[in-house]
């Protein structure tokens, strides 16, 4: 039996699974895993920017770095 995912982990997994996995190019389905990864990274950034505890405090700057990487992945 597996343990359930945290809300943050579930949000990242949902973003990955619900992202478009590709597109038709001249009648051929072309898989785009980068789009799926970028969606998951943005979801992780969203989770980081709202997560705070006594042990960890993630800054908005760190979340922005993840979003920038996601933008770069989708651009190529």
C-alpha atoms as a PDB file:
ATOM      1  CA  UNK A   1       0.000   0.000   0.000  1.00  0.00           C
ATOM      2  CA  UNK A   2       1.357   3.405  -0.917  1.00  0.00           C
ATOM      3  CA  UNK A   3       0.975   6.518   1.132  1.00  0.00           C
ATOM      4  CA  UNK A   4      -1.051   9.380  -0.349  1.00  0.00           C
ATOM      5  CA  UNK A   5       0.786  12.317  -1.840  1.00  0.00           C
ATOM      6  CA  UNK A   6       0.962  15.642  -0.077  1.00  0.00           C
ATOM      7  CA  UNK A   7      -1.160  18.433  -1.554  1.00  0.00           C
ATOM      8  CA  UNK A   8       1.965  20.051  -3.008  1.00  0.00           C
ATOM      9  CA  UNK A   9       3.192  16.841  -4.653  1.00  0.00           C
ATOM     10  CA  UNK A  10      -0.289  16.076  -5.964  1.00  0.00           C
ATOM     11  CA  UNK A  11      -0.504  19.551  -7.516  1.00  0.00           C
ATOM     12  CA  UNK A  12       2.786  19.025  -9.355  1.00  0.00           C
ATOM     13  CA  UNK A  13       1.777  15.564 -10.581  1.00  0.00           C
ATOM     14  CA  UNK A  14      -1.642  16.832 -11.712  1.00  0.00           C
ATOM     15  CA  UNK A  15      -0.018  19.676 -13.660  1.00  0.00           C
ATOM     16  CA  UNK A  16       2.302  17.196 -15.400  1.00  0.00           C
ATOM     17  CA  UNK A  17      -0.483  14.749 -16.228  1.00  0.00           C
ATOM     18  CA  UNK A  18      -2.939  17.418 -17.408  1.00  0.00           C
ATOM     19  CA  UNK A  19      -0.482  19.299 -19.628  1.00  0.00           C
ATOM     20  CA  UNK A  20      -0.685  18.836 -23.357  1.00  0.00           C
ATOM     21  CA  UNK A  21       1.603  15.974 -24.272  1.00  0.00           C
ATOM     22  CA  UNK A  22       2.049  17.015 -27.867  1.00  0.00           C
ATOM     23  CA  UNK A  23       0.467  18.270 -31.036  1.00  0.00           C
ATOM     24  CA  UNK A  24      -0.239  17.258 -34.594  1.00  0.00           C
ATOM     25  CA  UNK A  25       2.365  18.509 -37.042  1.00  0.00           C
ATOM     26  CA  UNK A  26       1.431  17.844 -40.661  1.00  0.00           C
ATOM     27  CA  UNK A  27      -0.863  15.020 -39.585  1.00  0.00           C
ATOM     28  CA  UNK A  28       1.686  13.319 -37.313  1.00  0.00           C
ATOM     29  CA  UNK A  29       1.397  13.334 -33.506  1.00  0.00           C
ATOM     30  CA  UNK A  30       4.578  14.826 -32.063  1.00  0.00           C
ATOM     31  CA  UNK A  31       5.138  14.235 -28.351  1.00  0.00           C
ATOM     32  CA  UNK A  32       6.377  17.260 -26.417  1.00  0.00           C
ATOM     33  CA  UNK A  33       7.598  16.115 -23.012  1.00  0.00           C
ATOM     34  CA  UNK A  34       9.137  19.541 -22.412  1.00  0.00           C
ATOM     35  CA  UNK A  35       5.677  21.103 -22.197  1.00  0.00           C
ATOM     36  CA  UNK A  36       4.686  18.554 -19.580  1.00  0.00           C
ATOM     37  CA  UNK A  37       7.884  19.114 -17.608  1.00  0.00           C
ATOM     38  CA  UNK A  38       7.468  22.890 -17.816  1.00  0.00           C
ATOM     39  CA  UNK A  39       3.917  22.628 -16.453  1.00  0.00           C
ATOM     40  CA  UNK A  40       5.153  20.542 -13.529  1.00  0.00           C
ATOM     41  CA  UNK A  41       7.956  23.010 -12.832  1.00  0.00           C
ATOM     42  CA  UNK A  42       5.515  25.916 -12.776  1.00  0.00           C
ATOM     43  CA  UNK A  43       3.303  24.013 -10.357  1.00  0.00           C
ATOM     44  CA  UNK A  44       6.330  23.323  -8.157  1.00  0.00           C
ATOM     45  CA  UNK A  45       7.220  27.020  -8.255  1.00  0.00           C
ATOM     46  CA  UNK A  46       3.675  27.873  -7.205  1.00  0.00           C
ATOM     47  CA  UNK A  47       3.955  25.459  -4.299  1.00  0.00           C
ATOM     48  CA  UNK A  48       7.346  26.851  -3.272  1.00  0.00           C
ATOM     49  CA  UNK A  49       6.191  30.434  -3.234  1.00  0.00           C
ATOM     50  CA  UNK A  50       3.366  29.651  -0.810  1.00  0.00           C
ATOM     51  CA  UNK A  51       5.153  27.130   1.446  1.00  0.00           C
ATOM     52  CA  UNK A  52       6.541  28.362   4.729  1.00  0.00           C
ATOM     53  CA  UNK A  53       7.634  26.600   7.881  1.00  0.00           C
ATOM     54  CA  UNK A  54      10.072  27.186  10.714  1.00  0.00           C
ATOM     55  CA  UNK A  55      12.656  25.019   8.934  1.00  0.00           C
ATOM     56  CA  UNK A  56      12.287  26.309   5.379  1.00  0.00           C
ATOM     57  CA  UNK A  57      11.251  29.550   3.802  1.00  0.00           C
ATOM     58  CA  UNK A  58      11.332  29.420   0.033  1.00  0.00           C
ATOM     59  CA  UNK A  59      11.774  32.770  -1.593  1.00  0.00           C
ATOM     60  CA  UNK A  60       9.849  34.105  -4.520  1.00  0.00           C
ATOM     61  CA  UNK A  61      13.195  34.489  -6.301  1.00  0.00           C
ATOM     62  CA  UNK A  62      13.709  30.710  -6.212  1.00  0.00           C
ATOM     63  CA  UNK A  63      10.239  30.163  -7.641  1.00  0.00           C
ATOM     64  CA  UNK A  64      10.979  32.702 -10.380  1.00  0.00           C
ATOM     65  CA  UNK A  65      14.104  30.735 -11.314  1.00  0.00           C
ATOM     66  CA  UNK A  66      12.003  27.597 -11.780  1.00  0.00           C
ATOM     67  CA  UNK A  67       9.528  29.525 -13.920  1.00  0.00           C
ATOM     68  CA  UNK A  68      12.374  30.870 -16.065  1.00  0.00           C
ATOM     69  CA  UNK A  69      13.636  27.332 -16.656  1.00  0.00           C
ATOM     70  CA  UNK A  70      10.100  26.253 -17.589  1.00  0.00           C
ATOM     71  CA  UNK A  71       9.860  29.148 -20.067  1.00  0.00           C
ATOM     72  CA  UNK A  72      13.180  28.123 -21.624  1.00  0.00           C
ATOM     73  CA  UNK A  73      12.076  24.498 -21.967  1.00  0.00           C
ATOM     74  CA  UNK A  74       8.892  25.518 -23.768  1.00  0.00           C
ATOM     75  CA  UNK A  75      10.726  27.918 -26.066  1.00  0.00           C
ATOM     76  CA  UNK A  76      12.792  25.132 -27.633  1.00  0.00           C
END
